[in-house]
N, C-alpha and C. Protein backbone atom coordinates (compact mmCIF):
# COMPACT_ATOMS: atom_id res chain seq x y z
N MET A 1 -63.51 -114.30 -60.64
CA MET A 1 -64.77 -114.49 -61.24
C MET A 1 -65.60 -115.47 -60.41
N THR A 2 -66.89 -115.30 -60.42
CA THR A 2 -67.82 -116.21 -59.84
C THR A 2 -69.06 -116.23 -60.76
N TYR A 3 -69.97 -117.16 -60.49
CA TYR A 3 -71.21 -117.19 -61.21
C TYR A 3 -72.30 -116.63 -60.35
N ILE A 4 -73.28 -116.00 -60.92
CA ILE A 4 -74.40 -115.44 -60.23
C ILE A 4 -75.74 -115.86 -60.87
N VAL A 5 -76.79 -115.81 -60.09
CA VAL A 5 -78.11 -116.09 -60.60
C VAL A 5 -78.80 -114.74 -60.83
N ASN A 6 -79.43 -114.57 -61.96
CA ASN A 6 -80.12 -113.32 -62.27
C ASN A 6 -81.64 -113.47 -62.23
N GLU A 7 -82.35 -112.42 -62.64
CA GLU A 7 -83.80 -112.41 -62.50
C GLU A 7 -84.55 -113.49 -63.38
N ASN A 8 -83.82 -114.08 -64.30
CA ASN A 8 -84.51 -115.10 -65.13
C ASN A 8 -84.97 -116.26 -64.24
N CYS A 9 -84.34 -116.46 -63.11
CA CYS A 9 -84.71 -117.54 -62.18
C CYS A 9 -86.00 -117.29 -61.44
N ILE A 10 -86.34 -116.03 -61.26
CA ILE A 10 -87.53 -115.65 -60.44
C ILE A 10 -88.79 -116.28 -61.07
N LYS A 11 -89.53 -117.02 -60.21
CA LYS A 11 -90.75 -117.67 -60.55
C LYS A 11 -90.52 -118.90 -61.40
N CYS A 12 -89.30 -119.24 -61.74
CA CYS A 12 -89.01 -120.45 -62.52
C CYS A 12 -88.37 -121.55 -61.65
N LYS A 13 -87.29 -121.23 -61.01
CA LYS A 13 -86.59 -122.13 -60.03
C LYS A 13 -86.54 -123.57 -60.54
N LEU A 14 -85.94 -123.77 -61.69
CA LEU A 14 -85.89 -125.12 -62.30
C LEU A 14 -84.93 -126.09 -61.62
N MET A 15 -83.90 -125.61 -61.02
CA MET A 15 -83.00 -126.38 -60.16
C MET A 15 -82.13 -127.42 -60.85
N ASP A 16 -82.05 -127.43 -62.15
CA ASP A 16 -81.11 -128.32 -62.78
C ASP A 16 -79.68 -128.03 -62.36
N CYS A 17 -79.41 -126.78 -62.07
CA CYS A 17 -78.11 -126.28 -61.66
C CYS A 17 -77.68 -126.90 -60.30
N VAL A 18 -78.61 -127.00 -59.44
CA VAL A 18 -78.35 -127.56 -58.09
C VAL A 18 -77.80 -128.93 -58.14
N GLU A 19 -78.39 -129.73 -59.04
CA GLU A 19 -78.03 -131.12 -59.20
C GLU A 19 -76.58 -131.32 -59.63
N VAL A 20 -76.03 -130.39 -60.40
CA VAL A 20 -74.67 -130.59 -60.91
C VAL A 20 -73.57 -129.85 -60.18
N CYS A 21 -73.97 -129.04 -59.22
CA CYS A 21 -72.97 -128.20 -58.50
C CYS A 21 -72.10 -129.10 -57.60
N PRO A 22 -70.78 -129.10 -57.81
CA PRO A 22 -69.94 -129.94 -56.98
C PRO A 22 -69.67 -129.46 -55.57
N VAL A 23 -70.03 -128.17 -55.30
CA VAL A 23 -69.73 -127.63 -53.97
C VAL A 23 -70.97 -127.13 -53.21
N ASP A 24 -72.15 -127.41 -53.78
CA ASP A 24 -73.39 -127.05 -53.09
C ASP A 24 -73.43 -125.56 -52.71
N CYS A 25 -73.22 -124.68 -53.63
CA CYS A 25 -73.19 -123.22 -53.31
C CYS A 25 -74.49 -122.51 -53.66
N PHE A 26 -75.59 -123.27 -53.83
CA PHE A 26 -76.88 -122.65 -54.13
C PHE A 26 -77.71 -122.51 -52.86
N TYR A 27 -78.47 -121.43 -52.81
CA TYR A 27 -79.33 -121.10 -51.67
C TYR A 27 -80.72 -120.79 -52.23
N GLU A 28 -81.77 -121.24 -51.49
CA GLU A 28 -83.11 -121.15 -52.00
C GLU A 28 -83.98 -120.16 -51.23
N GLY A 29 -84.49 -119.23 -52.01
CA GLY A 29 -85.50 -118.29 -51.52
C GLY A 29 -86.90 -118.71 -51.97
N LYS A 30 -87.87 -117.88 -51.67
CA LYS A 30 -89.27 -118.24 -51.96
C LYS A 30 -89.47 -118.44 -53.48
N ASN A 31 -88.89 -117.57 -54.27
CA ASN A 31 -89.16 -117.73 -55.70
C ASN A 31 -87.94 -117.66 -56.59
N MET A 32 -86.75 -117.81 -56.04
CA MET A 32 -85.54 -117.94 -56.84
C MET A 32 -84.43 -118.56 -56.05
N LEU A 33 -83.35 -118.89 -56.76
CA LEU A 33 -82.09 -119.38 -56.10
C LEU A 33 -81.02 -118.31 -56.21
N VAL A 34 -80.03 -118.40 -55.39
CA VAL A 34 -78.83 -117.56 -55.53
C VAL A 34 -77.60 -118.43 -55.33
N ILE A 35 -76.49 -117.97 -55.76
CA ILE A 35 -75.16 -118.62 -55.55
C ILE A 35 -74.39 -117.82 -54.54
N LYS A 36 -73.73 -118.52 -53.63
CA LYS A 36 -72.85 -117.84 -52.67
C LYS A 36 -71.52 -117.64 -53.32
N PRO A 37 -71.17 -116.42 -53.66
CA PRO A 37 -69.94 -116.18 -54.42
C PRO A 37 -68.66 -116.72 -53.75
N ASP A 38 -68.59 -116.70 -52.42
CA ASP A 38 -67.38 -117.19 -51.74
C ASP A 38 -67.29 -118.70 -51.76
N GLU A 39 -68.34 -119.40 -52.05
CA GLU A 39 -68.32 -120.83 -52.12
C GLU A 39 -68.16 -121.35 -53.57
N CYS A 40 -68.60 -120.57 -54.56
CA CYS A 40 -68.55 -120.94 -55.97
C CYS A 40 -67.06 -121.11 -56.38
N ILE A 41 -66.75 -122.24 -57.03
CA ILE A 41 -65.38 -122.47 -57.48
C ILE A 41 -65.15 -122.13 -58.90
N ASP A 42 -66.15 -121.49 -59.50
CA ASP A 42 -66.05 -120.98 -60.90
C ASP A 42 -65.85 -122.10 -61.90
N CYS A 43 -66.44 -123.25 -61.60
CA CYS A 43 -66.26 -124.38 -62.54
C CYS A 43 -67.13 -124.23 -63.77
N GLY A 44 -68.27 -123.58 -63.65
CA GLY A 44 -69.11 -123.29 -64.79
C GLY A 44 -70.07 -124.39 -65.17
N VAL A 45 -70.12 -125.52 -64.44
CA VAL A 45 -70.99 -126.63 -64.86
C VAL A 45 -72.49 -126.29 -64.75
N CYS A 46 -72.80 -125.33 -63.89
CA CYS A 46 -74.19 -124.96 -63.69
C CYS A 46 -74.73 -124.12 -64.79
N GLU A 47 -73.95 -123.28 -65.41
CA GLU A 47 -74.40 -122.35 -66.44
C GLU A 47 -75.15 -122.98 -67.55
N PRO A 48 -74.60 -124.01 -68.25
CA PRO A 48 -75.33 -124.62 -69.37
C PRO A 48 -76.54 -125.48 -68.93
N GLU A 49 -76.61 -125.81 -67.68
CA GLU A 49 -77.74 -126.60 -67.18
C GLU A 49 -79.03 -125.78 -67.04
N CYS A 50 -78.91 -124.47 -66.95
CA CYS A 50 -80.10 -123.63 -66.72
C CYS A 50 -80.83 -123.36 -68.04
N PRO A 51 -82.07 -123.91 -68.16
CA PRO A 51 -82.78 -123.72 -69.40
C PRO A 51 -83.35 -122.30 -69.62
N VAL A 52 -83.32 -121.46 -68.59
CA VAL A 52 -83.79 -120.10 -68.75
C VAL A 52 -82.64 -119.06 -68.75
N GLU A 53 -81.40 -119.56 -68.81
CA GLU A 53 -80.19 -118.74 -68.81
C GLU A 53 -80.11 -117.75 -67.69
N ALA A 54 -80.41 -118.25 -66.51
CA ALA A 54 -80.38 -117.39 -65.31
C ALA A 54 -79.01 -117.37 -64.62
N ILE A 55 -78.10 -118.18 -65.08
CA ILE A 55 -76.76 -118.21 -64.46
C ILE A 55 -75.77 -117.65 -65.43
N LYS A 56 -75.00 -116.66 -64.95
CA LYS A 56 -74.02 -115.99 -65.77
C LYS A 56 -72.76 -115.67 -64.96
N PRO A 57 -71.63 -115.52 -65.61
CA PRO A 57 -70.45 -115.04 -64.88
C PRO A 57 -70.66 -113.61 -64.36
N ASP A 58 -70.03 -113.31 -63.26
CA ASP A 58 -70.18 -111.97 -62.70
C ASP A 58 -69.39 -110.94 -63.49
N THR A 59 -68.68 -111.36 -64.49
CA THR A 59 -67.86 -110.43 -65.27
C THR A 59 -68.60 -109.75 -66.40
N ILE A 60 -69.84 -110.19 -66.66
CA ILE A 60 -70.61 -109.55 -67.78
C ILE A 60 -71.11 -108.20 -67.30
N PRO A 61 -71.16 -107.25 -68.25
CA PRO A 61 -71.66 -105.93 -67.91
C PRO A 61 -73.09 -105.96 -67.31
N GLY A 62 -73.32 -105.15 -66.25
CA GLY A 62 -74.60 -105.16 -65.61
C GLY A 62 -74.83 -106.15 -64.54
N SER A 63 -73.83 -106.95 -64.27
CA SER A 63 -74.07 -108.08 -63.25
C SER A 63 -73.82 -107.60 -61.85
N GLU A 64 -73.38 -106.34 -61.63
CA GLU A 64 -73.05 -105.86 -60.29
C GLU A 64 -74.23 -106.01 -59.31
N GLN A 65 -75.39 -105.58 -59.76
CA GLN A 65 -76.62 -105.64 -58.90
C GLN A 65 -76.88 -107.11 -58.53
N TRP A 66 -76.73 -108.03 -59.44
CA TRP A 66 -77.00 -109.44 -59.18
C TRP A 66 -75.97 -110.10 -58.33
N LEU A 67 -74.74 -109.62 -58.42
CA LEU A 67 -73.68 -110.10 -57.53
C LEU A 67 -74.00 -109.73 -56.09
N GLU A 68 -74.49 -108.52 -55.84
CA GLU A 68 -74.82 -108.05 -54.53
C GLU A 68 -76.05 -108.84 -54.02
N ILE A 69 -77.00 -109.10 -54.84
CA ILE A 69 -78.21 -109.83 -54.43
C ILE A 69 -77.77 -111.27 -54.09
N ASN A 70 -76.96 -111.87 -54.86
CA ASN A 70 -76.46 -113.23 -54.59
C ASN A 70 -75.71 -113.27 -53.28
N LYS A 71 -74.84 -112.28 -53.06
CA LYS A 71 -74.11 -112.24 -51.80
C LYS A 71 -75.04 -112.11 -50.56
N LYS A 72 -75.91 -111.15 -50.66
CA LYS A 72 -76.82 -110.85 -49.54
C LYS A 72 -77.72 -112.06 -49.18
N TYR A 73 -78.38 -112.60 -50.17
CA TYR A 73 -79.39 -113.64 -49.86
C TYR A 73 -78.76 -114.99 -49.61
N SER A 74 -77.55 -115.24 -50.08
CA SER A 74 -76.92 -116.52 -49.76
C SER A 74 -76.52 -116.53 -48.27
N GLU A 75 -76.49 -115.41 -47.63
CA GLU A 75 -76.15 -115.36 -46.21
C GLU A 75 -77.50 -115.58 -45.39
N ILE A 76 -78.61 -115.42 -46.00
CA ILE A 76 -79.90 -115.43 -45.29
C ILE A 76 -80.68 -116.77 -45.56
N TRP A 77 -80.73 -117.11 -46.83
CA TRP A 77 -81.54 -118.23 -47.26
C TRP A 77 -80.87 -119.52 -47.00
N PRO A 78 -81.61 -120.65 -46.86
CA PRO A 78 -80.99 -121.95 -46.60
C PRO A 78 -80.30 -122.54 -47.83
N ASN A 79 -79.26 -123.30 -47.58
CA ASN A 79 -78.52 -124.00 -48.62
C ASN A 79 -79.43 -125.08 -49.19
N ILE A 80 -79.26 -125.30 -50.49
CA ILE A 80 -79.99 -126.39 -51.16
C ILE A 80 -78.97 -127.25 -51.95
N SER A 81 -79.07 -128.52 -51.77
CA SER A 81 -78.14 -129.40 -52.47
C SER A 81 -78.83 -130.51 -53.30
N GLU A 82 -80.18 -130.52 -53.26
CA GLU A 82 -80.88 -131.47 -54.10
C GLU A 82 -81.96 -130.80 -54.89
N LYS A 83 -82.15 -131.27 -56.08
CA LYS A 83 -83.15 -130.70 -57.03
C LYS A 83 -84.57 -130.96 -56.45
N LYS A 84 -85.38 -129.97 -56.54
CA LYS A 84 -86.80 -130.12 -56.22
C LYS A 84 -87.63 -129.84 -57.40
N ASP A 85 -88.90 -130.08 -57.34
CA ASP A 85 -89.80 -129.73 -58.45
C ASP A 85 -89.95 -128.25 -58.59
N PRO A 86 -90.03 -127.74 -59.78
CA PRO A 86 -90.22 -126.34 -59.99
C PRO A 86 -91.65 -125.89 -59.66
N PRO A 87 -91.90 -124.64 -59.56
CA PRO A 87 -93.27 -124.18 -59.34
C PRO A 87 -94.17 -124.67 -60.46
N SER A 88 -95.38 -125.02 -60.19
CA SER A 88 -96.29 -125.60 -61.21
C SER A 88 -96.56 -124.62 -62.36
N ASP A 89 -96.48 -123.35 -62.11
CA ASP A 89 -96.76 -122.35 -63.16
C ASP A 89 -95.49 -121.74 -63.77
N HIS A 90 -94.35 -122.34 -63.61
CA HIS A 90 -93.08 -121.79 -64.03
C HIS A 90 -93.01 -121.48 -65.54
N GLU A 91 -93.71 -122.27 -66.34
CA GLU A 91 -93.66 -122.07 -67.78
C GLU A 91 -94.12 -120.68 -68.24
N LYS A 92 -95.15 -120.19 -67.57
CA LYS A 92 -95.68 -118.89 -68.00
C LYS A 92 -94.80 -117.72 -67.62
N PHE A 93 -93.81 -117.92 -66.76
CA PHE A 93 -92.91 -116.83 -66.38
C PHE A 93 -91.54 -116.92 -67.07
N LYS A 94 -91.31 -117.97 -67.79
CA LYS A 94 -89.99 -118.27 -68.34
C LYS A 94 -89.42 -117.11 -69.22
N ASP A 95 -90.23 -116.49 -70.02
CA ASP A 95 -89.74 -115.40 -70.95
C ASP A 95 -90.12 -114.02 -70.47
N GLU A 96 -90.67 -113.86 -69.31
CA GLU A 96 -91.10 -112.56 -68.88
C GLU A 96 -89.93 -111.68 -68.50
N LYS A 97 -90.05 -110.39 -68.73
CA LYS A 97 -88.98 -109.44 -68.42
C LYS A 97 -89.39 -108.73 -67.13
N ASN A 98 -88.38 -108.07 -66.52
CA ASN A 98 -88.57 -107.20 -65.33
C ASN A 98 -89.20 -107.99 -64.14
N LYS A 99 -88.84 -109.25 -64.02
CA LYS A 99 -89.42 -110.03 -62.95
C LYS A 99 -88.96 -109.59 -61.57
N TYR A 100 -87.80 -109.03 -61.46
CA TYR A 100 -87.30 -108.62 -60.14
C TYR A 100 -88.27 -107.58 -59.48
N GLU A 101 -88.61 -106.59 -60.29
CA GLU A 101 -89.55 -105.55 -59.79
C GLU A 101 -90.91 -106.11 -59.45
N LYS A 102 -91.36 -107.05 -60.27
CA LYS A 102 -92.75 -107.57 -60.12
C LYS A 102 -92.88 -108.57 -59.06
N TYR A 103 -91.90 -109.50 -58.92
CA TYR A 103 -92.15 -110.73 -58.12
C TYR A 103 -91.16 -111.08 -57.07
N PHE A 104 -90.02 -110.38 -57.01
CA PHE A 104 -88.96 -110.78 -56.05
C PHE A 104 -89.51 -110.80 -54.62
N LYS A 105 -89.17 -111.81 -53.91
CA LYS A 105 -89.57 -111.95 -52.49
C LYS A 105 -88.30 -112.11 -51.66
N GLU A 106 -88.14 -111.25 -50.69
CA GLU A 106 -86.95 -111.26 -49.87
C GLU A 106 -86.88 -112.41 -48.90
N ASN A 107 -88.02 -112.78 -48.33
CA ASN A 107 -88.05 -113.79 -47.28
C ASN A 107 -88.52 -115.15 -47.85
N LEU A 108 -88.42 -116.14 -47.01
CA LEU A 108 -88.84 -117.52 -47.45
C LEU A 108 -90.32 -117.66 -47.55
């Protein structure tokens, strides 16, 4: 098992998770974070820190797509080990659905 970041992170990027990760397995894209599955030690400390519930174990049904996204983009995007300020408009996106289709950005 590993943890993955899902679409709840898109346009929110609150980064409380980055601050508590003991192995620095988060990677930052333009409008979301991902976890590198091969670096995640499955400790779970990041999951409760995410106020938008964007971090889940990869064992939950429907997580296959997000596991692949996390794998792919953690190889491309830069590693992040310190919390940064979230986007100024993050509050208005926090409860929005289908954010992947609407807002996902592949590049930095």
